[in-house]
């Protein structure tokens, strides 16, 4: 995938604050119907941009299905563990564990 960068000032002015996987970055989304996702290192003046299939501000479930299925599986795993055991800690650990395993598998292919 080709890397694309946009100036921080442009993104902060025209894009919407968002959330993302990398917790050490500031995230922005291109306003709908756009699918751009900008990640900003707080110490730089440029945002790294990639494009998803679905904008989560328009269709959160569609975004999870198309662009982040490992997150959807992790949430489902946590919900199932909580439903079975009624233990929030175990549910969170199950979610994190399943997410980590899926990301590892995805990185191998």
PDB file of N, CA and C in Angstrom:
ATOM      1  N   UNK A   1       0.843  -1.179   0.000  1.00  0.00           N
ATOM      2  CA  UNK A   1       0.000   0.000   0.000  1.00  0.00           C
ATOM      3  C   UNK A   1       0.891   1.247   0.000  1.00  0.00           C
ATOM      4  N   UNK A   2       0.559   2.194  -0.815  1.00  0.00           N
ATOM      5  CA  UNK A   2       1.314   3.430  -0.886  1.00  0.00           C
ATOM      6  C   UNK A   2       0.985   4.323   0.310  1.00  0.00           C
ATOM      7  N   UNK A   3       2.015   4.910   0.898  1.00  0.00           N
ATOM      8  CA  UNK A   3       1.785   5.820   2.009  1.00  0.00           C
ATOM      9  C   UNK A   3       1.403   7.188   1.471  1.00  0.00           C
ATOM     10  N   UNK A   4       0.473   7.827   2.172  1.00  0.00           N
ATOM     11  CA  UNK A   4       0.038   9.163   1.788  1.00  0.00           C
ATOM     12  C   UNK A   4       0.068  10.028   3.037  1.00  0.00           C
ATOM     13  N   UNK A   5       0.448  11.281   2.886  1.00  0.00           N
ATOM     14  CA  UNK A   5       0.517  12.188   4.026  1.00  0.00           C
ATOM     15  C   UNK A   5      -0.234  13.471   3.709  1.00  0.00           C
ATOM     16  N   UNK A   6      -0.884  14.022   4.728  1.00  0.00           N
ATOM     17  CA  UNK A   6      -1.552  15.313   4.613  1.00  0.00           C
ATOM     18  C   UNK A   6      -1.050  16.212   5.739  1.00  0.00           C
ATOM     19  N   UNK A   7      -1.013  17.534   5.502  1.00  0.00           N
ATOM     20  CA  UNK A   7      -0.586  18.444   6.558  1.00  0.00           C
ATOM     21  C   UNK A   7      -1.534  18.397   7.768  1.00  0.00           C
ATOM     22  N   UNK A   8      -0.936  18.446   8.937  1.00  0.00           N
ATOM     23  CA  UNK A   8      -1.690  18.405  10.189  1.00  0.00           C
ATOM     24  C   UNK A   8      -2.768  19.491  10.225  1.00  0.00           C
ATOM     25  N   UNK A   9      -2.409  20.716   9.831  1.00  0.00           N
ATOM     26  CA  UNK A   9      -3.373  21.824   9.907  1.00  0.00           C
ATOM     27  C   UNK A   9      -4.600  21.570   9.038  1.00  0.00           C
ATOM     28  N   UNK A  10      -4.389  21.001   7.860  1.00  0.00           N
ATOM     29  CA  UNK A  10      -5.515  20.696   6.975  1.00  0.00           C
ATOM     30  C   UNK A  10      -6.438  19.658   7.617  1.00  0.00           C
ATOM     31  N   UNK A  11      -5.851  18.587   8.119  1.00  0.00           N
ATOM     32  CA  UNK A  11      -6.648  17.505   8.714  1.00  0.00           C
ATOM     33  C   UNK A  11      -7.392  18.004   9.948  1.00  0.00           C
ATOM     34  N   UNK A  12      -6.714  18.745  10.817  1.00  0.00           N
ATOM     35  CA  UNK A  12      -7.368  19.248  12.035  1.00  0.00           C
ATOM     36  C   UNK A  12      -8.527  20.184  11.709  1.00  0.00           C
ATOM     37  N   UNK A  13      -8.425  20.911  10.596  1.00  0.00           N
ATOM     38  CA  UNK A  13      -9.471  21.863  10.222  1.00  0.00           C
ATOM     39  C   UNK A  13     -10.652  21.204   9.506  1.00  0.00           C
ATOM     40  N   UNK A  14     -10.376  20.207   8.660  1.00  0.00           N
ATOM     41  CA  UNK A  14     -11.415  19.687   7.770  1.00  0.00           C
ATOM     42  C   UNK A  14     -11.909  18.276   8.091  1.00  0.00           C
ATOM     43  N   UNK A  15     -11.189  17.534   8.892  1.00  0.00           N
ATOM     44  CA  UNK A  15     -11.576  16.155   9.192  1.00  0.00           C
ATOM     45  C   UNK A  15     -12.154  16.070  10.597  1.00  0.00           C
ATOM     46  N   UNK A  16     -12.777  14.944  10.923  1.00  0.00           N
ATOM     47  CA  UNK A  16     -13.452  14.751  12.210  1.00  0.00           C
ATOM     48  C   UNK A  16     -12.569  13.967  13.181  1.00  0.00           C
ATOM     49  N   UNK A  17     -12.503  14.401  14.458  1.00  0.00           N
ATOM     50  CA  UNK A  17     -11.775  13.601  15.448  1.00  0.00           C
ATOM     51  C   UNK A  17     -12.373  12.196  15.512  1.00  0.00           C
ATOM     52  N   UNK A  18     -11.523  11.219  15.710  1.00  0.00           N
ATOM     53  CA  UNK A  18     -11.984   9.839  15.716  1.00  0.00           C
ATOM     54  C   UNK A  18     -11.145   9.014  16.684  1.00  0.00           C
ATOM     55  N   UNK A  19     -11.329   7.710  16.632  1.00  0.00           N
ATOM     56  CA  UNK A  19     -10.525   6.788  17.434  1.00  0.00           C
ATOM     57  C   UNK A  19      -9.872   5.798  16.482  1.00  0.00           C
ATOM     58  N   UNK A  20      -8.844   5.137  16.964  1.00  0.00           N
ATOM     59  CA  UNK A  20      -8.159   4.163  16.134  1.00  0.00           C
ATOM     60  C   UNK A  20      -7.357   3.198  16.965  1.00  0.00           C
ATOM     61  N   UNK A  21      -6.789   2.241  16.281  1.00  0.00           N
ATOM     62  CA  UNK A  21      -6.065   1.148  16.923  1.00  0.00           C
ATOM     63  C   UNK A  21      -4.799   1.616  17.636  1.00  0.00           C
ATOM     64  N   UNK A  22      -4.052   2.507  17.036  1.00  0.00           N
ATOM     65  CA  UNK A  22      -2.783   2.964  17.617  1.00  0.00           C
ATOM     66  C   UNK A  22      -3.064   4.032  18.677  1.00  0.00           C
ATOM     67  N   UNK A  23      -2.904   3.651  19.936  1.00  0.00           N
ATOM     68  CA  UNK A  23      -3.268   4.532  21.043  1.00  0.00           C
ATOM     69  C   UNK A  23      -2.303   5.697  21.222  1.00  0.00           C
ATOM     70  N   UNK A  24      -1.116   5.622  20.632  1.00  0.00           N
ATOM     71  CA  UNK A  24      -0.149   6.710  20.763  1.00  0.00           C
ATOM     72  C   UNK A  24      -0.316   7.766  19.665  1.00  0.00           C
ATOM     73  N   UNK A  25      -1.336   7.632  18.837  1.00  0.00           N
ATOM     74  CA  UNK A  25      -1.597   8.566  17.739  1.00  0.00           C
ATOM     75  C   UNK A  25      -2.908   9.311  17.987  1.00  0.00           C
ATOM     76  N   UNK A  26      -3.039  10.453  17.322  1.00  0.00           N
ATOM     77  CA  UNK A  26      -4.300  11.195  17.302  1.00  0.00           C
ATOM     78  C   UNK A  26      -4.967  10.821  15.981  1.00  0.00           C
ATOM     79  N   UNK A  27      -6.245  10.482  16.032  1.00  0.00           N
ATOM     80  CA  UNK A  27      -6.940   9.958  14.853  1.00  0.00           C
ATOM     81  C   UNK A  27      -8.002  10.928  14.346  1.00  0.00           C
ATOM     82  N   UNK A  28      -8.110  10.983  13.023  1.00  0.00           N
ATOM     83  CA  UNK A  28      -9.127  11.792  12.353  1.00  0.00           C
ATOM     84  C   UNK A  28      -9.733  10.972  11.223  1.00  0.00           C
ATOM     85  N   UNK A  29     -10.994  11.280  10.917  1.00  0.00           N
ATOM     86  CA  UNK A  29     -11.694  10.639   9.803  1.00  0.00           C
ATOM     87  C   UNK A  29     -12.134  11.696   8.811  1.00  0.00           C
ATOM     88  N   UNK A  30     -12.004  11.337   7.552  1.00  0.00           N
ATOM     89  CA  UNK A  30     -12.536  12.173   6.486  1.00  0.00           C
ATOM     90  C   UNK A  30     -14.051  12.225   6.658  1.00  0.00           C
ATOM     91  N   UNK A  31     -14.664  13.407   6.524  1.00  0.00           N
ATOM     92  CA  UNK A  31     -16.119  13.474   6.680  1.00  0.00           C
ATOM     93  C   UNK A  31     -16.824  12.571   5.664  1.00  0.00           C
ATOM     94  N   UNK A  32     -17.962  11.965   6.058  1.00  0.00           N
ATOM     95  CA  UNK A  32     -18.729  11.135   5.123  1.00  0.00           C
ATOM     96  C   UNK A  32     -19.081  11.939   3.879  1.00  0.00           C
ATOM     97  N   UNK A  33     -19.062  11.304   2.736  1.00  0.00           N
ATOM     98  CA  UNK A  33     -18.957   9.875   2.492  1.00  0.00           C
ATOM     99  C   UNK A  33     -17.519   9.376   2.347  1.00  0.00           C
ATOM    100  N   UNK A  34     -16.526  10.204   2.658  1.00  0.00           N
ATOM    101  CA  UNK A  34     -15.129   9.789   2.526  1.00  0.00           C
ATOM    102  C   UNK A  34     -14.772   8.659   3.469  1.00  0.00           C
ATOM    103  N   UNK A  35     -13.719   7.927   3.134  1.00  0.00           N
ATOM    104  CA  UNK A  35     -13.305   6.788   3.957  1.00  0.00           C
ATOM    105  C   UNK A  35     -11.866   6.929   4.456  1.00  0.00           C
ATOM    106  N   UNK A  36     -11.303   8.138   4.368  1.00  0.00           N
ATOM    107  CA  UNK A  36      -9.938   8.357   4.819  1.00  0.00           C
ATOM    108  C   UNK A  36      -9.809   8.309   6.333  1.00  0.00           C
ATOM    109  N   UNK A  37      -8.698   7.757   6.795  1.00  0.00           N
ATOM    110  CA  UNK A  37      -8.365   7.693   8.219  1.00  0.00           C
ATOM    111  C   UNK A  37      -6.953   8.237   8.371  1.00  0.00           C
ATOM    112  N   UNK A  38      -6.815   9.349   9.091  1.00  0.00           N
ATOM    113  CA  UNK A  38      -5.514   9.975   9.297  1.00  0.00           C
ATOM    114  C   UNK A  38      -5.020   9.684  10.703  1.00  0.00           C
ATOM    115  N   UNK A  39      -3.754   9.289  10.797  1.00  0.00           N
ATOM    116  CA  UNK A  39      -3.110   9.052  12.087  1.00  0.00           C
ATOM    117  C   UNK A  39      -2.007  10.094  12.250  1.00  0.00           C
ATOM    118  N   UNK A  40      -2.073  10.822  13.353  1.00  0.00           N
ATOM    119  CA  UNK A  40      -1.134  11.906  13.598  1.00  0.00           C
ATOM    120  C   UNK A  40      -0.265  11.585  14.795  1.00  0.00           C
ATOM    121  N   UNK A  41       1.029  11.571  14.582  1.00  0.00           N
ATOM    122  CA  UNK A  41       1.961  11.508  15.699  1.00  0.00           C
ATOM    123  C   UNK A  41       1.949  12.911  16.306  1.00  0.00           C
ATOM    124  N   UNK A  42       1.683  13.043  17.616  1.00  0.00           N
ATOM    125  CA  UNK A  42       1.568  14.373  18.219  1.00  0.00           C
ATOM    126  C   UNK A  42       2.798  15.261  18.031  1.00  0.00           C
ATOM    127  N   UNK A  43       3.945  14.688  17.707  1.00  0.00           N
ATOM    128  CA  UNK A  43       5.182  15.460  17.569  1.00  0.00           C
ATOM    129  C   UNK A  43       5.514  15.842  16.132  1.00  0.00           C
ATOM    130  N   UNK A  44       4.601  15.601  15.199  1.00  0.00           N
ATOM    131  CA  UNK A  44       4.892  15.899  13.796  1.00  0.00           C
ATOM    132  C   UNK A  44       3.854  16.840  13.208  1.00  0.00           C
ATOM    133  N   UNK A  45       4.106  17.297  12.011  1.00  0.00           N
ATOM    134  CA  UNK A  45       3.202  18.223  11.322  1.00  0.00           C
ATOM    135  C   UNK A  45       2.450  17.570  10.169  1.00  0.00           C
ATOM    136  N   UNK A  46       2.622  16.245  10.004  1.00  0.00           N
ATOM    137  CA  UNK A  46       1.934  15.547   8.922  1.00  0.00           C
ATOM    138  C   UNK A  46       1.215  14.317   9.451  1.00  0.00           C
ATOM    139  N   UNK A  47       0.072  14.020   8.848  1.00  0.00           N
ATOM    140  CA  UNK A  47      -0.727  12.846   9.198  1.00  0.00           C
ATOM    141  C   UNK A  47      -0.518  11.770   8.139  1.00  0.00           C
ATOM    142  N   UNK A  48      -0.338  10.548   8.586  1.00  0.00           N
ATOM    143  CA  UNK A  48      -0.298   9.415   7.666  1.00  0.00           C
ATOM    144  C   UNK A  48      -1.742   9.000   7.399  1.00  0.00           C
ATOM    145  N   UNK A  49      -2.081   8.822   6.136  1.00  0.00           N
ATOM    146  CA  UNK A  49      -3.471   8.558   5.747  1.00  0.00           C
ATOM    147  C   UNK A  49      -3.583   7.204   5.056  1.00  0.00           C
ATOM    148  N   UNK A  50      -4.636   6.468   5.411  1.00  0.00           N
ATOM    149  CA  UNK A  50      -5.010   5.280   4.644  1.00  0.00           C
ATOM    150  C   UNK A  50      -6.520   5.339   4.435  1.00  0.00           C
ATOM    151  N   UNK A  51      -7.005   4.528   3.532  1.00  0.00           N
ATOM    152  CA  UNK A  51      -8.433   4.537   3.213  1.00  0.00           C
ATOM    153  C   UNK A  51      -9.057   3.193   3.549  1.00  0.00           C
ATOM    154  N   UNK A  52     -10.165   3.253   4.279  1.00  0.00           N
ATOM    155  CA  UNK A  52     -10.933   2.066   4.626  1.00  0.00           C
ATOM    156  C   UNK A  52     -12.020   1.849   3.579  1.00  0.00           C
ATOM    157  N   UNK A  53     -12.681   0.713   3.662  1.00  0.00           N
ATOM    158  CA  UNK A  53     -13.799   0.432   2.761  1.00  0.00           C
ATOM    159  C   UNK A  53     -15.064   1.147   3.225  1.00  0.00           C
ATOM    160  N   UNK A  54     -15.239   1.255   4.559  1.00  0.00           N
ATOM    161  CA  UNK A  54     -16.463   1.823   5.132  1.00  0.00           C
ATOM    162  C   UNK A  54     -16.084   2.860   6.189  1.00  0.00           C
ATOM    163  N   UNK A  55     -16.730   4.020   6.153  1.00  0.00           N
ATOM    164  CA  UNK A  55     -16.502   5.057   7.160  1.00  0.00           C
ATOM    165  C   UNK A  55     -17.273   4.691   8.432  1.00  0.00           C
ATOM    166  N   UNK A  56     -16.585   4.520   9.574  1.00  0.00           N
ATOM    167  CA  UNK A  56     -17.277   4.118  10.798  1.00  0.00           C
ATOM    168  C   UNK A  56     -18.229   5.180  11.338  1.00  0.00           C
ATOM    169  N   UNK A  57     -18.062   6.439  10.930  1.00  0.00           N
ATOM    170  CA  UNK A  57     -19.000   7.472  11.366  1.00  0.00           C
ATOM    171  C   UNK A  57     -20.345   7.315  10.658  1.00  0.00           C
ATOM    172  N   UNK A  58     -20.339   6.656   9.497  1.00  0.00           N
ATOM    173  CA  UNK A  58     -21.571   6.400   8.749  1.00  0.00           C
ATOM    174  C   UNK A  58     -22.175   5.048   9.097  1.00  0.00           C
ATOM    175  N   UNK A  59     -21.337   4.033   9.229  1.00  0.00           N
ATOM    176  CA  UNK A  59     -21.810   2.660   9.415  1.00  0.00           C
ATOM    177  C   UNK A  59     -20.825   1.898  10.312  1.00  0.00           C
ATOM    178  N   UNK A  60     -20.954   2.046  11.641  1.00  0.00           N
ATOM    179  CA  UNK A  60     -19.995   1.409  12.556  1.00  0.00           C
ATOM    180  C   UNK A  60     -19.898  -0.107  12.390  1.00  0.00           C
ATOM    181  N   UNK A  61     -21.017  -0.788  12.279  1.00  0.00           N
ATOM    182  CA  UNK A  61     -20.986  -2.242  12.135  1.00  0.00           C
ATOM    183  C   UNK A  61     -20.376  -2.648  10.793  1.00  0.00           C
ATOM    184  N   UNK A  62     -20.742  -1.950   9.742  1.00  0.00           N
ATOM    185  CA  UNK A  62     -20.164  -2.227   8.429  1.00  0.00           C
ATOM    186  C   UNK A  62     -18.653  -2.030   8.428  1.00  0.00           C
ATOM    187  N   UNK A  63     -18.192  -1.012   9.152  1.00  0.00           N
ATOM    188  CA  UNK A  63     -16.748  -0.776   9.256  1.00  0.00           C
ATOM    189  C   UNK A  63     -16.060  -1.943   9.961  1.00  0.00           C
ATOM    190  N   UNK A  64     -16.654  -2.423  11.054  1.00  0.00           N
ATOM    191  CA  UNK A  64     -16.058  -3.558  11.763  1.00  0.00           C
ATOM    192  C   UNK A  64     -16.014  -4.795  10.872  1.00  0.00           C
ATOM    193  N   UNK A  65     -17.084  -5.043  10.144  1.00  0.00           N
ATOM    194  CA  UNK A  65     -17.148  -6.225   9.280  1.00  0.00           C
ATOM    195  C   UNK A  65     -16.126  -6.130   8.144  1.00  0.00           C
ATOM    196  N   UNK A  66     -16.060  -4.989   7.481  1.00  0.00           N
ATOM    197  CA  UNK A  66     -15.217  -4.842   6.286  1.00  0.00           C
ATOM    198  C   UNK A  66     -13.759  -4.511   6.589  1.00  0.00           C
ATOM    199  N   UNK A  67     -13.533  -3.658   7.592  1.00  0.00           N
ATOM    200  CA  UNK A  67     -12.192  -3.122   7.803  1.00  0.00           C
ATOM    201  C   UNK A  67     -11.494  -3.618   9.064  1.00  0.00           C
ATOM    202  N   UNK A  68     -12.246  -4.141  10.010  1.00  0.00           N
ATOM    203  CA  UNK A  68     -11.625  -4.569  11.262  1.00  0.00           C
ATOM    204  C   UNK A  68     -12.345  -5.780  11.852  1.00  0.00           C
ATOM    205  N   UNK A  69     -12.407  -6.879  11.097  1.00  0.00           N
ATOM    206  CA  UNK A  69     -13.134  -8.050  11.600  1.00  0.00           C
ATOM    207  C   UNK A  69     -12.535  -8.614  12.887  1.00  0.00           C
ATOM    208  N   UNK A  70     -11.222  -8.428  13.092  1.00  0.00           N
ATOM    209  CA  UNK A  70     -10.624  -8.924  14.332  1.00  0.00           C
ATOM    210  C   UNK A  70     -11.185  -8.191  15.554  1.00  0.00           C
ATOM    211  N   UNK A  71     -11.529  -6.924  15.403  1.00  0.00           N
ATOM    212  CA  UNK A  71     -12.152  -6.180  16.500  1.00  0.00           C
ATOM    213  C   UNK A  71     -13.551  -6.719  16.765  1.00  0.00           C
ATOM    214  N   UNK A  72     -14.286  -7.012  15.711  1.00  0.00           N
ATOM    215  CA  UNK A  72     -15.629  -7.572  15.861  1.00  0.00           C
ATOM    216  C   UNK A  72     -15.580  -8.925  16.563  1.00  0.00           C
ATOM    217  N   UNK A  73     -14.638  -9.778  16.181  1.00  0.00           N
ATOM    218  CA  UNK A  73     -14.487 -11.090  16.823  1.00  0.00           C
ATOM    219  C   UNK A  73     -14.104 -10.916  18.292  1.00  0.00           C
ATOM    220  N   UNK A  74     -13.199  -9.986  18.577  1.00  0.00           N
ATOM    221  CA  UNK A  74     -12.780  -9.749  19.962  1.00  0.00           C
ATOM    222  C   UNK A  74     -13.950  -9.276  20.818  1.00  0.00           C
ATOM    223  N   UNK A  75     -14.767  -8.378  20.289  1.00  0.00           N
ATOM    224  CA  UNK A  75     -15.945  -7.915  21.034  1.00  0.00           C
ATOM    225  C   UNK A  75     -16.925  -9.059  21.268  1.00  0.00           C
ATOM    226  N   UNK A  76     -17.132  -9.878  20.251  1.00  0.00           N
ATOM    227  CA  UNK A  76     -18.019 -11.033  20.391  1.00  0.00           C
ATOM    228  C   UNK A  76     -17.499 -12.034  21.400  1.00  0.00           C
ATOM    229  N   UNK A  77     -16.188 -12.273  21.381  1.00  0.00           N
ATOM    230  CA  UNK A  77     -15.579 -13.193  22.342  1.00  0.00           C
ATOM    231  C   UNK A  77     -15.788 -12.687  23.762  1.00  0.00           C
ATOM    232  N   UNK A  78     -15.531 -11.413  23.975  1.00  0.00           N
ATOM    233  CA  UNK A  78     -15.732 -10.825  25.298  1.00  0.00           C
ATOM    234  C   UNK A  78     -17.177 -10.925  25.752  1.00  0.00           C
ATOM    235  N   UNK A  79     -18.107 -10.675  24.839  1.00  0.00           N
ATOM    236  CA  UNK A  79     -19.530 -10.762  25.183  1.00  0.00           C
ATOM    237  C   UNK A  79     -19.925 -12.188  25.550  1.00  0.00           C
ATOM    238  N   UNK A  80     -19.420 -13.160  24.799  1.00  0.00           N
ATOM    239  CA  UNK A  80     -19.734 -14.563  25.102  1.00  0.00           C
ATOM    240  C   UNK A  80     -19.151 -14.994  26.444  1.00  0.00           C
ATOM    241  N   UNK A  81     -17.914 -14.601  26.710  1.00  0.00           N
ATOM    242  CA  UNK A  81     -17.292 -14.958  27.992  1.00  0.00           C
ATOM    243  C   UNK A  81     -18.046 -14.300  29.136  1.00  0.00           C
ATOM    244  N   UNK A  82     -18.429 -13.039  28.967  1.00  0.00           N
ATOM    245  CA  UNK A  82     -19.181 -12.370  30.031  1.00  0.00           C
ATOM    246  C   UNK A  82     -20.535 -13.044  30.245  1.00  0.00           C
ATOM    247  N   UNK A  83     -21.221 -13.387  29.161  1.00  0.00           N
ATOM    248  CA  UNK A  83     -22.531 -14.039  29.279  1.00  0.00           C
ATOM    249  C   UNK A  83     -22.418 -15.376  30.009  1.00  0.00           C
ATOM    250  N   UNK A  84     -21.336 -16.099  29.770  1.00  0.00           N
ATOM    251  CA  UNK A  84     -21.165 -17.419  30.382  1.00  0.00           C
ATOM    252  C   UNK A  84     -20.664 -17.334  31.817  1.00  0.00           C
ATOM    253  N   UNK A  85     -19.774 -16.386  32.109  1.00  0.00           N
ATOM    254  CA  UNK A  85     -19.088 -16.386  33.404  1.00  0.00           C
ATOM    255  C   UNK A  85     -19.452 -15.209  34.304  1.00  0.00           C
ATOM    256  N   UNK A  86     -20.079 -14.176  33.755  1.00  0.00           N
ATOM    257  CA  UNK A  86     -20.450 -12.969  34.512  1.00  0.00           C
ATOM    258  C   UNK A  86     -19.242 -12.352  35.220  1.00  0.00           C
ATOM    259  N   UNK A  87     -18.098 -12.375  34.536  1.00  0.00           N
ATOM    260  CA  UNK A  87     -16.870 -11.839  35.104  1.00  0.00           C
ATOM    261  C   UNK A  87     -16.268 -10.862  34.092  1.00  0.00           C
ATOM    262  N   UNK A  88     -16.314  -9.578  34.428  1.00  0.00           N
ATOM    263  CA  UNK A  88     -15.841  -8.545  33.508  1.00  0.00           C
ATOM    264  C   UNK A  88     -14.354  -8.712  33.198  1.00  0.00           C
ATOM    265  N   UNK A  89     -13.561  -9.001  34.211  1.00  0.00           N
ATOM    266  CA  UNK A  89     -12.121  -9.163  34.004  1.00  0.00           C
ATOM    267  C   UNK A  89     -11.801 -10.274  33.024  1.00  0.00           C
ATOM    268  N   UNK A  90     -12.453 -11.417  33.185  1.00  0.00           N
ATOM    269  CA  UNK A  90     -12.228 -12.534  32.263  1.00  0.00           C
ATOM    270  C   UNK A  90     -12.688 -12.179  30.849  1.00  0.00           C
ATOM    271  N   UNK A  91     -13.800 -11.453  30.756  1.00  0.00           N
ATOM    272  CA  UNK A  91     -14.317 -11.056  29.444  1.00  0.00           C
ATOM    273  C   UNK A  91     -13.333 -10.124  28.737  1.00  0.00           C
ATOM    274  N   UNK A  92     -12.769  -9.176  29.480  1.00  0.00           N
ATOM    275  CA  UNK A  92     -11.799  -8.249  28.892  1.00  0.00           C
ATOM    276  C   UNK A  92     -10.546  -8.999  28.447  1.00  0.00           C
ATOM    277  N   UNK A  93     -10.049  -9.885  29.294  1.00  0.00           N
ATOM    278  CA  UNK A  93      -8.867 -10.667  28.928  1.00  0.00           C
ATOM    279  C   UNK A  93      -9.127 -11.540  27.701  1.00  0.00           C
ATOM    280  N   UNK A  94     -10.308 -12.132  27.625  1.00  0.00           N
ATOM    281  CA  UNK A  94     -10.653 -12.953  26.460  1.00  0.00           C
ATOM    282  C   UNK A  94     -10.693 -12.099  25.192  1.00  0.00           C
ATOM    283  N   UNK A  95     -11.249 -10.894  25.298  1.00  0.00           N
ATOM    284  CA  UNK A  95     -11.299  -9.989  24.143  1.00  0.00           C
ATOM    285  C   UNK A  95      -9.905  -9.611  23.681  1.00  0.00           C
ATOM    286  N   UNK A  96      -9.073  -9.199  24.626  1.00  0.00           N
ATOM    287  CA  UNK A  96      -7.709  -8.787  24.284  1.00  0.00           C
ATOM    288  C   UNK A  96      -6.924  -9.960  23.706  1.00  0.00           C
ATOM    289  N   UNK A  97      -7.070 -11.114  24.322  1.00  0.00           N
ATOM    290  CA  UNK A  97      -6.355 -12.299  23.841  1.00  0.00           C
ATOM    291  C   UNK A  97      -6.762 -12.696  22.441  1.00  0.00           C
ATOM    292  N   UNK A  98      -8.061 -12.721  22.175  1.00  0.00           N
ATOM    293  CA  UNK A  98      -8.510 -13.115  20.834  1.00  0.00           C
ATOM    294  C   UNK A  98      -8.086 -12.077  19.799  1.00  0.00           C
ATOM    295  N   UNK A  99      -8.127 -10.807  20.166  1.00  0.00           N
ATOM    296  CA  UNK A  99      -7.695  -9.744  19.257  1.00  0.00           C
ATOM    297  C   UNK A  99      -6.210  -9.906  18.914  1.00  0.00           C
ATOM    298  N   UNK A 100      -5.392 -10.144  19.941  1.00  0.00           N
ATOM    299  CA  UNK A 100      -3.949 -10.293  19.726  1.00  0.00           C
ATOM    300  C   UNK A 100      -3.639 -11.493  18.834  1.00  0.00           C
ATOM    301  N   UNK A 101      -4.315 -12.597  19.068  1.00  0.00           N
ATOM    302  CA  UNK A 101      -4.088 -13.795  18.254  1.00  0.00           C
ATOM    303  C   UNK A 101      -4.485 -13.534  16.801  1.00  0.00           C
ATOM    304  N   UNK A 102      -5.632 -12.906  16.591  1.00  0.00           N
ATOM    305  CA  UNK A 102      -6.078 -12.623  15.223  1.00  0.00           C
ATOM    306  C   UNK A 102      -5.147 -11.647  14.505  1.00  0.00           C
ATOM    307  N   UNK A 103      -4.649 -10.630  15.209  1.00  0.00           N
ATOM    308  CA  UNK A 103      -3.706  -9.687  14.598  1.00  0.00           C
ATOM    309  C   UNK A 103      -2.403 -10.399  14.227  1.00  0.00           C
ATOM    310  N   UNK A 104      -1.957 -11.312  15.087  1.00  0.00           N
ATOM    311  CA  UNK A 104      -0.746 -12.076  14.797  1.00  0.00           C
ATOM    312  C   UNK A 104      -0.941 -12.942  13.553  1.00  0.00           C
ATOM    313  N   UNK A 105      -2.054 -13.639  13.497  1.00  0.00           N
ATOM    314  CA  UNK A 105      -2.350 -14.483  12.334  1.00  0.00           C
ATOM    315  C   UNK A 105      -2.428 -13.631  11.069  1.00  0.00           C
ATOM    316  N   UNK A 106      -3.109 -12.487  11.164  1.00  0.00           N
ATOM    317  CA  UNK A 106      -3.255 -11.596  10.009  1.00  0.00           C
ATOM    318  C   UNK A 106      -1.886 -11.097   9.525  1.00  0.00           C
ATOM    319  N   UNK A 107      -0.976 -10.835  10.453  1.00  0.00           N
ATOM    320  CA  UNK A 107       0.350 -10.325  10.074  1.00  0.00           C
ATOM    321  C   UNK A 107       1.195 -11.378   9.356  1.00  0.00           C
ATOM    322  N   UNK A 108       0.855 -12.640   9.543  1.00  0.00           N
ATOM    323  CA  UNK A 108       1.614 -13.716   8.911  1.00  0.00           C
ATOM    324  C   UNK A 108       1.229 -13.931   7.449  1.00  0.00           C
ATOM    325  N   UNK A 109       0.087 -13.409   7.053  1.00  0.00           N
ATOM    326  CA  UNK A 109      -0.401 -13.640   5.688  1.00  0.00           C
ATOM    327  C   UNK A 109      -0.479 -12.394   4.890  1.00  0.00           C
TER     328      UNK A 109
END
